[in-house]
Amino acid sequence: MADSTELESLEAFLGSDGWRLFHQHLVDEWGPHGARFQQAYKAALAQQATTQDAEAALNRLRAVAMVQSELEKLILWPLERIRAIQQQAPTISGPSRRGSL
Protein backbone atom coordinates (compact mmCIF):
# COMPACT_ATOMS: atom_id res chain seq x y z
CA MET A 1 0.00 0.00 0.00
CA ALA A 2 1.39 3.39 -0.89
CA ASP A 3 2.31 5.49 2.11
CA SER A 4 -0.16 8.27 1.24
CA THR A 5 -3.00 5.78 0.87
CA GLU A 6 -2.02 4.04 4.09
CA LEU A 7 -1.80 7.38 5.90
CA GLU A 8 -5.24 8.44 4.67
CA SER A 9 -6.70 5.05 5.62
CA LEU A 10 -5.21 5.14 9.11
CA GLU A 11 -6.36 8.70 9.71
CA ALA A 12 -9.88 7.79 8.56
CA PHE A 13 -9.77 4.67 10.75
CA LEU A 14 -8.80 6.66 13.85
CA GLY A 15 -11.58 9.15 13.16
CA SER A 16 -14.24 6.48 12.74
CA ASP A 17 -16.96 5.63 15.22
CA GLY A 18 -15.88 1.98 14.99
CA TRP A 19 -12.37 2.81 16.23
CA ARG A 20 -13.74 4.90 19.08
CA LEU A 21 -16.03 2.05 20.14
CA PHE A 22 -13.21 -0.51 19.88
CA HIS A 23 -10.78 1.70 21.78
CA GLN A 24 -13.28 2.41 24.54
CA HIS A 25 -14.11 -1.28 24.85
CA LEU A 26 -10.43 -2.19 25.27
CA VAL A 27 -9.95 0.53 27.88
CA ASP A 28 -13.11 -0.52 29.73
CA GLU A 29 -12.06 -4.16 29.76
CA TRP A 30 -8.23 -4.12 29.94
CA GLY A 31 -7.23 -0.61 31.01
CA PRO A 32 -5.76 -0.17 34.51
CA HIS A 33 -9.28 0.05 35.95
CA GLY A 34 -10.87 -2.24 33.36
CA ALA A 35 -13.22 -4.99 34.42
CA ARG A 36 -11.32 -7.94 32.92
CA PHE A 37 -7.94 -6.64 34.00
CA GLN A 38 -9.12 -6.17 37.57
CA GLN A 39 -10.78 -9.59 37.57
CA ALA A 40 -7.66 -11.33 36.24
CA TYR A 41 -5.39 -9.40 38.61
CA LYS A 42 -7.54 -10.23 41.64
CA ALA A 43 -7.74 -13.89 40.62
CA ALA A 44 -3.95 -14.05 40.37
CA LEU A 45 -3.57 -12.44 43.78
CA ALA A 46 -6.15 -14.81 45.24
CA GLN A 47 -4.23 -17.76 43.78
CA GLN A 48 -1.10 -16.50 45.49
CA ALA A 49 -2.93 -16.18 48.80
CA THR A 50 -4.47 -19.65 48.64
CA THR A 51 -1.64 -21.72 47.22
CA GLN A 52 1.84 -22.66 48.24
CA ASP A 53 2.96 -22.36 44.63
CA ALA A 54 4.11 -18.75 44.60
CA GLU A 55 5.83 -19.25 41.26
CA ALA A 56 2.57 -20.23 39.54
CA ALA A 57 0.81 -17.21 41.00
CA LEU A 58 3.65 -14.93 39.90
CA ASN A 59 3.51 -16.41 36.40
CA ARG A 60 -0.21 -15.71 36.29
CA LEU A 61 0.39 -12.09 37.32
CA ARG A 62 3.04 -11.81 34.61
CA ALA A 63 0.62 -13.18 32.03
CA VAL A 64 -2.03 -10.63 33.02
CA ALA A 65 0.52 -7.81 32.77
CA MET A 66 1.70 -9.09 29.38
CA VAL A 67 -1.84 -9.18 27.98
CA GLN A 68 -2.45 -5.63 29.12
CA SER A 69 0.87 -4.49 27.64
CA GLU A 70 0.18 -6.15 24.28
CA LEU A 71 -3.30 -4.64 24.09
CA GLU A 72 -1.81 -1.22 24.80
CA LYS A 73 0.59 -1.74 21.87
CA LEU A 74 -2.39 -2.67 19.70
CA ILE A 75 -4.18 0.54 20.64
CA LEU A 76 -1.10 2.66 19.94
CA TRP A 77 -0.16 1.03 16.62
CA PRO A 78 -2.23 3.25 14.30
CA LEU A 79 -0.76 6.43 15.80
CA GLU A 80 2.77 5.05 15.72
CA ARG A 81 2.34 3.98 12.09
CA ILE A 82 1.04 7.43 11.14
CA ARG A 83 4.08 9.04 12.77
CA ALA A 84 6.42 6.64 10.96
CA ILE A 85 4.84 7.42 7.58
CA GLN A 86 4.98 11.15 8.24
CA GLN A 87 8.65 10.92 9.18
CA GLN A 88 9.39 9.02 5.97
CA ALA A 89 7.72 11.67 3.83
CA PRO A 90 10.28 13.77 2.01
CA THR A 91 10.51 17.33 3.20
CA ILE A 92 10.42 20.00 0.56
CA SER A 93 12.92 22.73 1.19
CA GLY A 94 13.54 25.97 -0.63
CA PRO A 95 16.45 26.59 -2.94
CA SER A 96 19.94 26.44 -1.56
CA ARG A 97 21.63 29.72 -0.68
CA ARG A 98 24.48 28.58 -2.92
CA GLY A 99 22.24 28.43 -5.95
CA SER A 100 21.96 25.51 -8.32
CA LEU A 101 24.94 23.29 -8.99
C-alpha atoms as a PDB file:
ATOM      1  CA  MET A   1       0.000   0.000   0.000  1.00  0.00           C
ATOM      2  CA  ALA A   2       1.392   3.394  -0.894  1.00  0.00           C
ATOM      3  CA  ASP A   3       2.307   5.495   2.110  1.00  0.00           C
ATOM      4  CA  SER A   4      -0.157   8.273   1.238  1.00  0.00           C
ATOM      5  CA  THR A   5      -3.000   5.777   0.868  1.00  0.00           C
ATOM      6  CA  GLU A   6      -2.017   4.044   4.094  1.00  0.00           C
ATOM      7  CA  LEU A   7      -1.800   7.377   5.900  1.00  0.00           C
ATOM      8  CA  GLU A   8      -5.236   8.435   4.672  1.00  0.00           C
ATOM      9  CA  SER A   9      -6.701   5.045   5.617  1.00  0.00           C
ATOM     10  CA  LEU A  10      -5.214   5.139   9.112  1.00  0.00           C
ATOM     11  CA  GLU A  11      -6.364   8.704   9.706  1.00  0.00           C
ATOM     12  CA  ALA A  12      -9.882   7.788   8.564  1.00  0.00           C
ATOM     13  CA  PHE A  13      -9.772   4.668  10.749  1.00  0.00           C
ATOM     14  CA  LEU A  14      -8.804   6.656  13.849  1.00  0.00           C
ATOM     15  CA  GLY A  15     -11.578   9.153  13.157  1.00  0.00           C
ATOM     16  CA  SER A  16     -14.239   6.483  12.740  1.00  0.00           C
ATOM     17  CA  ASP A  17     -16.957   5.626  15.219  1.00  0.00           C
ATOM     18  CA  GLY A  18     -15.880   1.979  14.994  1.00  0.00           C
ATOM     19  CA  TRP A  19     -12.367   2.811  16.232  1.00  0.00           C
ATOM     20  CA  ARG A  20     -13.743   4.904  19.085  1.00  0.00           C
ATOM     21  CA  LEU A  21     -16.027   2.049  20.139  1.00  0.00           C
ATOM     22  CA  PHE A  22     -13.214  -0.514  19.880  1.00  0.00           C
ATOM     23  CA  HIS A  23     -10.780   1.702  21.780  1.00  0.00           C
ATOM     24  CA  GLN A  24     -13.282   2.415  24.537  1.00  0.00           C
ATOM     25  CA  HIS A  25     -14.113  -1.283  24.848  1.00  0.00           C
ATOM     26  CA  LEU A  26     -10.427  -2.188  25.271  1.00  0.00           C
ATOM     27  CA  VAL A  27      -9.954   0.533  27.881  1.00  0.00           C
ATOM     28  CA  ASP A  28     -13.114  -0.516  29.732  1.00  0.00           C
ATOM     29  CA  GLU A  29     -12.056  -4.162  29.765  1.00  0.00           C
ATOM     30  CA  TRP A  30      -8.232  -4.119  29.938  1.00  0.00           C
ATOM     31  CA  GLY A  31      -7.226  -0.612  31.011  1.00  0.00           C
ATOM     32  CA  PRO A  32      -5.761  -0.171  34.508  1.00  0.00           C
ATOM     33  CA  HIS A  33      -9.278   0.050  35.948  1.00  0.00           C
ATOM     34  CA  GLY A  34     -10.873  -2.242  33.359  1.00  0.00           C
ATOM     35  CA  ALA A  35     -13.220  -4.986  34.425  1.00  0.00           C
ATOM     36  CA  ARG A  36     -11.325  -7.937  32.923  1.00  0.00           C
ATOM     37  CA  PHE A  37      -7.936  -6.643  33.997  1.00  0.00           C
ATOM     38  CA  GLN A  38      -9.123  -6.166  37.574  1.00  0.00           C
ATOM     39  CA  GLN A  39     -10.781  -9.592  37.568  1.00  0.00           C
ATOM     40  CA  ALA A  40      -7.656 -11.329  36.241  1.00  0.00           C
ATOM     41  CA  TYR A  41      -5.395  -9.400  38.605  1.00  0.00           C
ATOM     42  CA  LYS A  42      -7.538 -10.227  41.642  1.00  0.00           C
ATOM     43  CA  ALA A  43      -7.740 -13.895  40.621  1.00  0.00           C
ATOM     44  CA  ALA A  44      -3.948 -14.054  40.368  1.00  0.00           C
ATOM     45  CA  LEU A  45      -3.574 -12.443  43.784  1.00  0.00           C
ATOM     46  CA  ALA A  46      -6.149 -14.812  45.243  1.00  0.00           C
ATOM     47  CA  GLN A  47      -4.233 -17.756  43.783  1.00  0.00           C
ATOM     48  CA  GLN A  48      -1.103 -16.497  45.489  1.00  0.00           C
ATOM     49  CA  ALA A  49      -2.934 -16.184  48.799  1.00  0.00           C
ATOM     50  CA  THR A  50      -4.469 -19.650  48.641  1.00  0.00           C
ATOM     51  CA  THR A  51      -1.644 -21.719  47.221  1.00  0.00           C
ATOM     52  CA  GLN A  52       1.835 -22.660  48.243  1.00  0.00           C
ATOM     53  CA  ASP A  53       2.963 -22.363  44.633  1.00  0.00           C
ATOM     54  CA  ALA A  54       4.111 -18.753  44.600  1.00  0.00           C
ATOM     55  CA  GLU A  55       5.829 -19.247  41.257  1.00  0.00           C
ATOM     56  CA  ALA A  56       2.571 -20.232  39.538  1.00  0.00           C
ATOM     57  CA  ALA A  57       0.811 -17.208  41.002  1.00  0.00           C
ATOM     58  CA  LEU A  58       3.648 -14.930  39.899  1.00  0.00           C
ATOM     59  CA  ASN A  59       3.509 -16.410  36.400  1.00  0.00           C
ATOM     60  CA  ARG A  60      -0.212 -15.709  36.289  1.00  0.00           C
ATOM     61  CA  LEU A  61       0.395 -12.088  37.316  1.00  0.00           C
ATOM     62  CA  ARG A  62       3.040 -11.806  34.609  1.00  0.00           C
ATOM     63  CA  ALA A  63       0.617 -13.176  32.029  1.00  0.00           C
ATOM     64  CA  VAL A  64      -2.030 -10.633  33.024  1.00  0.00           C
ATOM     65  CA  ALA A  65       0.517  -7.811  32.765  1.00  0.00           C
ATOM     66  CA  MET A  66       1.696  -9.092  29.379  1.00  0.00           C
ATOM     67  CA  VAL A  67      -1.843  -9.184  27.979  1.00  0.00           C
ATOM     68  CA  GLN A  68      -2.447  -5.626  29.125  1.00  0.00           C
ATOM     69  CA  SER A  69       0.871  -4.494  27.636  1.00  0.00           C
ATOM     70  CA  GLU A  70       0.176  -6.153  24.279  1.00  0.00           C
ATOM     71  CA  LEU A  71      -3.298  -4.637  24.090  1.00  0.00           C
ATOM     72  CA  GLU A  72      -1.807  -1.220  24.796  1.00  0.00           C
ATOM     73  CA  LYS A  73       0.590  -1.744  21.871  1.00  0.00           C
ATOM     74  CA  LEU A  74      -2.389  -2.672  19.701  1.00  0.00           C
ATOM     75  CA  ILE A  75      -4.184   0.543  20.640  1.00  0.00           C
ATOM     76  CA  LEU A  76      -1.095   2.663  19.937  1.00  0.00           C
ATOM     77  CA  TRP A  77      -0.164   1.028  16.625  1.00  0.00           C
ATOM     78  CA  PRO A  78      -2.231   3.253  14.304  1.00  0.00           C
ATOM     79  CA  LEU A  79      -0.757   6.430  15.803  1.00  0.00           C
ATOM     80  CA  GLU A  80       2.767   5.046  15.715  1.00  0.00           C
ATOM     81  CA  ARG A  81       2.339   3.979  12.094  1.00  0.00           C
ATOM     82  CA  ILE A  82       1.036   7.435  11.140  1.00  0.00           C
ATOM     83  CA  ARG A  83       4.082   9.043  12.769  1.00  0.00           C
ATOM     84  CA  ALA A  84       6.422   6.640  10.957  1.00  0.00           C
ATOM     85  CA  ILE A  85       4.836   7.416   7.581  1.00  0.00           C
ATOM     86  CA  GLN A  86       4.977  11.146   8.238  1.00  0.00           C
ATOM     87  CA  GLN A  87       8.651  10.919   9.176  1.00  0.00           C
ATOM     88  CA  GLN A  88       9.392   9.017   5.967  1.00  0.00           C
ATOM     89  CA  ALA A  89       7.719  11.671   3.830  1.00  0.00           C
ATOM     90  CA  PRO A  90      10.285  13.773   2.007  1.00  0.00           C
ATOM     91  CA  THR A  91      10.512  17.328   3.200  1.00  0.00           C
ATOM     92  CA  ILE A  92      10.421  19.995   0.561  1.00  0.00           C
ATOM     93  CA  SER A  93      12.921  22.730   1.191  1.00  0.00           C
ATOM     94  CA  GLY A  94      13.540  25.971  -0.626  1.00  0.00           C
ATOM     95  CA  PRO A  95      16.450  26.593  -2.938  1.00  0.00           C
ATOM     96  CA  SER A  96      19.942  26.442  -1.563  1.00  0.00           C
ATOM     97  CA  ARG A  97      21.629  29.723  -0.681  1.00  0.00           C
ATOM     98  CA  ARG A  98      24.483  28.578  -2.918  1.00  0.00           C
ATOM     99  CA  GLY A  99      22.241  28.427  -5.946  1.00  0.00           C
ATOM    100  CA  SER A 100      21.955  25.507  -8.323  1.00  0.00           C
ATOM    101  CA  LEU A 101      24.938  23.287  -8.990  1.00  0.00           C
END
